[in-house]
PDB file of all heavy atoms in Angstrom:
ATOM      1  N   PRO A   1     -11.615   1.713  -4.162  1.00  0.00           N
ATOM      2  CA  PRO A   1     -10.903   0.569  -3.628  1.00  0.00           C
ATOM      3  C   PRO A   1     -10.641   0.689  -2.148  1.00  0.00           C
ATOM      4  O   PRO A   1     -10.474   1.819  -1.630  1.00  0.00           O
ATOM      5  CB  PRO A   1      -9.579   0.557  -4.409  1.00  0.00           C
ATOM      6  CG  PRO A   1      -9.385   2.003  -4.773  1.00  0.00           C
ATOM      7  CD  PRO A   1     -10.756   2.556  -5.029  1.00  0.00           C
ATOM      8  N   THR A   2     -10.605  -0.395  -1.450  1.00  0.00           N
ATOM      9  CA  THR A   2     -10.251  -0.368  -0.022  1.00  0.00           C
ATOM     10  C   THR A   2      -8.733  -0.145   0.113  1.00  0.00           C
ATOM     11  O   THR A   2      -7.972  -0.284  -0.850  1.00  0.00           O
ATOM     12  CB  THR A   2     -10.607  -1.701   0.610  1.00  0.00           C
ATOM     13  OG1 THR A   2      -9.930  -2.733  -0.009  1.00  0.00           O
ATOM     14  CG2 THR A   2     -12.100  -1.915   0.584  1.00  0.00           C
ATOM     15  N   LEU A   3      -8.302   0.090   1.321  1.00  0.00           N
ATOM     16  CA  LEU A   3      -6.862   0.325   1.532  1.00  0.00           C
ATOM     17  C   LEU A   3      -6.029  -0.918   1.248  1.00  0.00           C
ATOM     18  O   LEU A   3      -4.972  -0.804   0.607  1.00  0.00           O
ATOM     19  CB  LEU A   3      -6.657   0.798   2.983  1.00  0.00           C
ATOM     20  CG  LEU A   3      -5.322   1.514   3.249  1.00  0.00           C
ATOM     21  CD1 LEU A   3      -5.185   2.721   2.365  1.00  0.00           C
ATOM     22  CD2 LEU A   3      -5.241   1.944   4.705  1.00  0.00           C
ATOM     23  N   PRO A   4      -6.475  -2.135   1.661  1.00  0.00           N
ATOM     24  CA  PRO A   4      -5.672  -3.319   1.287  1.00  0.00           C
ATOM     25  C   PRO A   4      -5.552  -3.467  -0.247  1.00  0.00           C
ATOM     26  O   PRO A   4      -4.474  -3.869  -0.730  1.00  0.00           O
ATOM     27  CB  PRO A   4      -6.492  -4.484   1.885  1.00  0.00           C
ATOM     28  CG  PRO A   4      -7.213  -3.881   3.063  1.00  0.00           C
ATOM     29  CD  PRO A   4      -7.553  -2.466   2.615  1.00  0.00           C
ATOM     30  N   ALA A   5      -6.612  -3.132  -0.991  1.00  0.00           N
ATOM     31  CA  ALA A   5      -6.508  -3.250  -2.448  1.00  0.00           C
ATOM     32  C   ALA A   5      -5.541  -2.209  -2.998  1.00  0.00           C
ATOM     33  O   ALA A   5      -4.763  -2.497  -3.918  1.00  0.00           O
ATOM     34  CB  ALA A   5      -7.904  -3.044  -3.068  1.00  0.00           C
ATOM     35  N   ARG A   6      -5.513  -1.002  -2.408  1.00  0.00           N
ATOM     36  CA  ARG A   6      -4.566   0.000  -2.847  1.00  0.00           C
ATOM     37  C   ARG A   6      -3.124  -0.446  -2.564  1.00  0.00           C
ATOM     38  O   ARG A   6      -2.236  -0.271  -3.396  1.00  0.00           O
ATOM     39  CB  ARG A   6      -4.835   1.315  -2.110  1.00  0.00           C
ATOM     40  CG  ARG A   6      -6.090   2.025  -2.502  1.00  0.00           C
ATOM     41  CD  ARG A   6      -6.245   3.323  -1.731  1.00  0.00           C
ATOM     42  NE  ARG A   6      -7.503   4.000  -1.964  1.00  0.00           N
ATOM     43  CZ  ARG A   6      -7.693   4.862  -2.925  1.00  0.00           C
ATOM     44  NH1 ARG A   6      -6.727   5.117  -3.805  1.00  0.00           N
ATOM     45  NH2 ARG A   6      -8.886   5.438  -3.093  1.00  0.00           N
ATOM     46  N   ILE A   7      -2.892  -1.017  -1.393  1.00  0.00           N
ATOM     47  CA  ILE A   7      -1.551  -1.471  -1.036  1.00  0.00           C
ATOM     48  C   ILE A   7      -1.082  -2.579  -1.971  1.00  0.00           C
ATOM     49  O   ILE A   7       0.036  -2.596  -2.442  1.00  0.00           O
ATOM     50  CB  ILE A   7      -1.569  -1.955   0.423  1.00  0.00           C
ATOM     51  CG1 ILE A   7      -1.819  -0.779   1.375  1.00  0.00           C
ATOM     52  CG2 ILE A   7      -0.238  -2.643   0.797  1.00  0.00           C
ATOM     53  CD1 ILE A   7      -2.049  -1.191   2.815  1.00  0.00           C
ATOM     54  N   PHE A   8      -2.019  -3.511  -2.254  1.00  0.00           N
ATOM     55  CA  PHE A   8      -1.649  -4.573  -3.198  1.00  0.00           C
ATOM     56  C   PHE A   8      -1.274  -4.001  -4.549  1.00  0.00           C
ATOM     57  O   PHE A   8      -0.273  -4.416  -5.165  1.00  0.00           O
ATOM     58  CB  PHE A   8      -2.841  -5.540  -3.337  1.00  0.00           C
ATOM     59  CG  PHE A   8      -2.688  -6.572  -4.429  1.00  0.00           C
ATOM     60  CD1 PHE A   8      -1.854  -7.639  -4.248  1.00  0.00           C
ATOM     61  CD2 PHE A   8      -3.367  -6.427  -5.622  1.00  0.00           C
ATOM     62  CE1 PHE A   8      -1.696  -8.584  -5.255  1.00  0.00           C
ATOM     63  CE2 PHE A   8      -3.221  -7.371  -6.628  1.00  0.00           C
ATOM     64  CZ  PHE A   8      -2.359  -8.439  -6.455  1.00  0.00           C
ATOM     65  N   CYS A   9      -2.044  -3.028  -5.036  1.00  0.00           N
ATOM     66  CA  CYS A   9      -1.760  -2.494  -6.368  1.00  0.00           C
ATOM     67  C   CYS A   9      -0.470  -1.656  -6.391  1.00  0.00           C
ATOM     68  O   CYS A   9       0.267  -1.654  -7.374  1.00  0.00           O
ATOM     69  CB  CYS A   9      -2.951  -1.633  -6.828  1.00  0.00           C
ATOM     70  SG  CYS A   9      -4.342  -2.632  -7.406  1.00  0.00           S
ATOM     71  N   LEU A  10      -0.153  -0.986  -5.307  1.00  0.00           N
ATOM     72  CA  LEU A  10       1.108  -0.284  -5.211  1.00  0.00           C
ATOM     73  C   LEU A  10       2.259  -1.257  -5.359  1.00  0.00           C
ATOM     74  O   LEU A  10       3.254  -0.971  -6.022  1.00  0.00           O
ATOM     75  CB  LEU A  10       1.218   0.488  -3.919  1.00  0.00           C
ATOM     76  CG  LEU A  10       0.386   1.791  -3.814  1.00  0.00           C
ATOM     77  CD1 LEU A  10       0.367   2.336  -2.395  1.00  0.00           C
ATOM     78  CD2 LEU A  10       0.969   2.844  -4.769  1.00  0.00           C
ATOM     79  N   SER A  11       2.174  -2.412  -4.668  1.00  0.00           N
ATOM     80  CA  SER A  11       3.218  -3.413  -4.778  1.00  0.00           C
ATOM     81  C   SER A  11       3.302  -3.992  -6.165  1.00  0.00           C
ATOM     82  O   SER A  11       4.385  -4.272  -6.690  1.00  0.00           O
ATOM     83  CB  SER A  11       2.975  -4.537  -3.760  1.00  0.00           C
ATOM     84  OG  SER A  11       1.875  -5.319  -4.101  1.00  0.00           O
ATOM     85  N   ARG A  12       2.153  -4.172  -6.835  1.00  0.00           N
ATOM     86  CA  ARG A  12       2.164  -4.728  -8.181  1.00  0.00           C
ATOM     87  C   ARG A  12       2.790  -3.773  -9.191  1.00  0.00           C
ATOM     88  O   ARG A  12       3.346  -4.218 -10.192  1.00  0.00           O
ATOM     89  CB  ARG A  12       0.741  -5.062  -8.635  1.00  0.00           C
ATOM     90  CG  ARG A  12       0.106  -6.234  -7.901  1.00  0.00           C
ATOM     91  CD  ARG A  12       0.841  -7.495  -8.130  1.00  0.00           C
ATOM     92  NE  ARG A  12       0.770  -7.965  -9.491  1.00  0.00           N
ATOM     93  CZ  ARG A  12       1.588  -8.824 -10.031  1.00  0.00           C
ATOM     94  NH1 ARG A  12       2.608  -9.298  -9.359  1.00  0.00           N
ATOM     95  NH2 ARG A  12       1.431  -9.237 -11.296  1.00  0.00           N
ATOM     96  N   SER A  13       2.692  -2.468  -8.896  1.00  0.00           N
ATOM     97  CA  SER A  13       3.328  -1.481  -9.783  1.00  0.00           C
ATOM     98  C   SER A  13       4.815  -1.322  -9.493  1.00  0.00           C
ATOM     99  O   SER A  13       5.521  -0.581 -10.163  1.00  0.00           O
ATOM    100  CB  SER A  13       2.633  -0.146  -9.648  1.00  0.00           C
ATOM    101  OG  SER A  13       2.856   0.410  -8.358  1.00  0.00           O
ATOM    102  N   GLY A  14       5.308  -2.037  -8.442  1.00  0.00           N
ATOM    103  CA  GLY A  14       6.723  -1.951  -8.112  1.00  0.00           C
ATOM    104  C   GLY A  14       7.053  -0.879  -7.097  1.00  0.00           C
ATOM    105  O   GLY A  14       8.227  -0.726  -6.703  1.00  0.00           O
ATOM    106  N   ASP A  15       6.059  -0.181  -6.601  1.00  0.00           N
ATOM    107  CA  ASP A  15       6.302   0.886  -5.616  1.00  0.00           C
ATOM    108  C   ASP A  15       6.171   0.331  -4.226  1.00  0.00           C
ATOM    109  O   ASP A  15       5.237   0.594  -3.474  1.00  0.00           O
ATOM    110  CB  ASP A  15       5.330   2.050  -5.816  1.00  0.00           C
ATOM    111  CG  ASP A  15       5.782   3.351  -5.141  1.00  0.00           C
ATOM    112  OD1 ASP A  15       6.702   3.243  -4.293  1.00  0.00           O
ATOM    113  OD2 ASP A  15       5.269   4.436  -5.472  1.00  0.00           O
ATOM    114  N   TRP A  16       7.165  -0.494  -3.825  1.00  0.00           N
ATOM    115  CA  TRP A  16       7.094  -1.173  -2.531  1.00  0.00           C
ATOM    116  C   TRP A  16       7.210  -0.219  -1.375  1.00  0.00           C
ATOM    117  O   TRP A  16       6.557  -0.401  -0.308  1.00  0.00           O
ATOM    118  CB  TRP A  16       8.241  -2.196  -2.465  1.00  0.00           C
ATOM    119  CG  TRP A  16       8.073  -3.283  -3.489  1.00  0.00           C
ATOM    120  CD1 TRP A  16       8.511  -3.289  -4.770  1.00  0.00           C
ATOM    121  CD2 TRP A  16       7.385  -4.528  -3.338  1.00  0.00           C
ATOM    122  NE1 TRP A  16       8.154  -4.465  -5.404  1.00  0.00           N
ATOM    123  CE2 TRP A  16       7.457  -5.199  -4.528  1.00  0.00           C
ATOM    124  CE3 TRP A  16       6.698  -5.107  -2.238  1.00  0.00           C
ATOM    125  CZ2 TRP A  16       6.906  -6.460  -4.713  1.00  0.00           C
ATOM    126  CZ3 TRP A  16       6.136  -6.340  -2.429  1.00  0.00           C
ATOM    127  CH2 TRP A  16       6.214  -7.014  -3.642  1.00  0.00           C
ATOM    128  N   ALA A  17       7.970   0.876  -1.515  1.00  0.00           N
ATOM    129  CA  ALA A  17       8.096   1.851  -0.429  1.00  0.00           C
ATOM    130  C   ALA A  17       6.770   2.512  -0.148  1.00  0.00           C
ATOM    131  O   ALA A  17       6.341   2.686   1.008  1.00  0.00           O
ATOM    132  CB  ALA A  17       9.160   2.887  -0.809  1.00  0.00           C
ATOM    133  N   ALA A  18       6.077   2.898  -1.232  1.00  0.00           N
ATOM    134  CA  ALA A  18       4.744   3.527  -1.038  1.00  0.00           C
ATOM    135  C   ALA A  18       3.764   2.552  -0.456  1.00  0.00           C
ATOM    136  O   ALA A  18       2.905   2.922   0.382  1.00  0.00           O
ATOM    137  CB  ALA A  18       4.203   4.055  -2.377  1.00  0.00           C
ATOM    138  N   ALA A  19       3.842   1.268  -0.834  1.00  0.00           N
ATOM    139  CA  ALA A  19       2.952   0.272  -0.290  1.00  0.00           C
ATOM    140  C   ALA A  19       3.185   0.102   1.222  1.00  0.00           C
ATOM    141  O   ALA A  19       2.250   0.031   2.006  1.00  0.00           O
ATOM    142  CB  ALA A  19       3.148  -1.080  -0.999  1.00  0.00           C
ATOM    143  N   ALA A  20       4.445   0.011   1.616  1.00  0.00           N
ATOM    144  CA  ALA A  20       4.770  -0.109   3.023  1.00  0.00           C
ATOM    145  C   ALA A  20       4.372   1.115   3.816  1.00  0.00           C
ATOM    146  O   ALA A  20       3.849   1.018   4.930  1.00  0.00           O
ATOM    147  CB  ALA A  20       6.273  -0.367   3.198  1.00  0.00           C
ATOM    148  N   LEU A  21       4.571   2.293   3.243  1.00  0.00           N
ATOM    149  CA  LEU A  21       4.176   3.546   3.922  1.00  0.00           C
ATOM    150  C   LEU A  21       2.654   3.584   4.070  1.00  0.00           C
ATOM    151  O   LEU A  21       2.137   3.990   5.142  1.00  0.00           O
ATOM    152  CB  LEU A  21       4.668   4.718   3.111  1.00  0.00           C
ATOM    153  CG  LEU A  21       4.318   6.120   3.701  1.00  0.00           C
ATOM    154  CD1 LEU A  21       4.871   6.290   5.100  1.00  0.00           C
ATOM    155  CD2 LEU A  21       4.792   7.221   2.773  1.00  0.00           C
ATOM    156  N   THR A  22       1.934   3.147   3.055  1.00  0.00           N
ATOM    157  CA  THR A  22       0.453   3.158   3.131  1.00  0.00           C
ATOM    158  C   THR A  22      -0.023   2.185   4.190  1.00  0.00           C
ATOM    159  O   THR A  22      -1.004   2.484   4.960  1.00  0.00           O
ATOM    160  CB  THR A  22      -0.144   2.814   1.757  1.00  0.00           C
ATOM    161  OG1 THR A  22       0.339   3.698   0.785  1.00  0.00           O
ATOM    162  CG2 THR A  22      -1.658   2.886   1.801  1.00  0.00           C
ATOM    163  N   LEU A  23       0.631   1.039   4.293  1.00  0.00           N
ATOM    164  CA  LEU A  23       0.297   0.065   5.354  1.00  0.00           C
ATOM    165  C   LEU A  23       0.522   0.684   6.732  1.00  0.00           C
ATOM    166  O   LEU A  23      -0.298   0.539   7.628  1.00  0.00           O
ATOM    167  CB  LEU A  23       1.085  -1.204   5.160  1.00  0.00           C
ATOM    168  CG  LEU A  23       0.912  -2.270   6.251  1.00  0.00           C
ATOM    169  CD1 LEU A  23      -0.558  -2.695   6.365  1.00  0.00           C
ATOM    170  CD2 LEU A  23       1.779  -3.485   5.952  1.00  0.00           C
ATOM    171  N   ASP A  24       1.686   1.308   6.934  1.00  0.00           N
ATOM    172  CA  ASP A  24       1.968   1.944   8.222  1.00  0.00           C
ATOM    173  C   ASP A  24       0.989   3.036   8.564  1.00  0.00           C
ATOM    174  O   ASP A  24       0.521   3.155   9.699  1.00  0.00           O
ATOM    175  CB  ASP A  24       3.388   2.534   8.146  1.00  0.00           C
ATOM    176  CG  ASP A  24       4.469   1.511   8.153  1.00  0.00           C
ATOM    177  OD1 ASP A  24       4.176   0.366   8.584  1.00  0.00           O
ATOM    178  OD2 ASP A  24       5.604   1.785   7.760  1.00  0.00           O
ATOM    179  N   THR A  25       0.571   3.818   7.548  1.00  0.00           N
ATOM    180  CA  THR A  25      -0.407   4.874   7.766  1.00  0.00           C
ATOM    181  C   THR A  25      -1.768   4.299   8.149  1.00  0.00           C
ATOM    182  O   THR A  25      -2.431   4.733   9.097  1.00  0.00           O
ATOM    183  CB  THR A  25      -0.537   5.734   6.520  1.00  0.00           C
ATOM    184  OG1 THR A  25       0.720   6.285   6.138  1.00  0.00           O
ATOM    185  CG2 THR A  25      -1.549   6.865   6.728  1.00  0.00           C
ATOM    186  N   GLY A  26      -2.192   3.251   7.428  1.00  0.00           N
ATOM    187  CA  GLY A  26      -3.438   2.634   7.734  1.00  0.00           C
ATOM    188  C   GLY A  26      -3.456   1.999   9.098  1.00  0.00           C
ATOM    189  O   GLY A  26      -4.475   2.005   9.839  1.00  0.00           O
ATOM    190  N   ARG A  27      -2.312   1.416   9.516  1.00  0.00           N
ATOM    191  CA  ARG A  27      -2.182   0.832  10.840  1.00  0.00           C
ATOM    192  C   ARG A  27      -2.311   1.904  11.884  1.00  0.00           C
ATOM    193  O   ARG A  27      -3.020   1.763  12.902  1.00  0.00           O
ATOM    194  CB  ARG A  27      -0.844   0.130  10.892  1.00  0.00           C
ATOM    195  CG  ARG A  27      -0.587  -0.692  12.138  1.00  0.00           C
ATOM    196  CD  ARG A  27       0.808  -1.263  12.068  1.00  0.00           C
ATOM    197  NE  ARG A  27       0.991  -2.193  10.982  1.00  0.00           N
ATOM    198  CZ  ARG A  27       2.097  -2.315  10.273  1.00  0.00           C
ATOM    199  NH1 ARG A  27       3.144  -1.514  10.512  1.00  0.00           N
ATOM    200  NH2 ARG A  27       2.220  -3.206   9.323  1.00  0.00           N
ATOM    201  N   ALA A  28      -1.658   3.060  11.689  1.00  0.00           N
ATOM    202  CA  ALA A  28      -1.645   4.132  12.705  1.00  0.00           C
ATOM    203  C   ALA A  28      -3.031   4.786  12.815  1.00  0.00           C
ATOM    204  O   ALA A  28      -3.444   5.191  13.908  1.00  0.00           O
ATOM    205  CB  ALA A  28      -0.625   5.197  12.296  1.00  0.00           C
TER     206      ALA A  28
END
């Protein structure tokens, strides 16, 4: 999966903190 797909799935599982952290990491 791509990073956006991973972030979406993290949010769907309820792990919003991990999703936001993954987005910040991908951005950096």
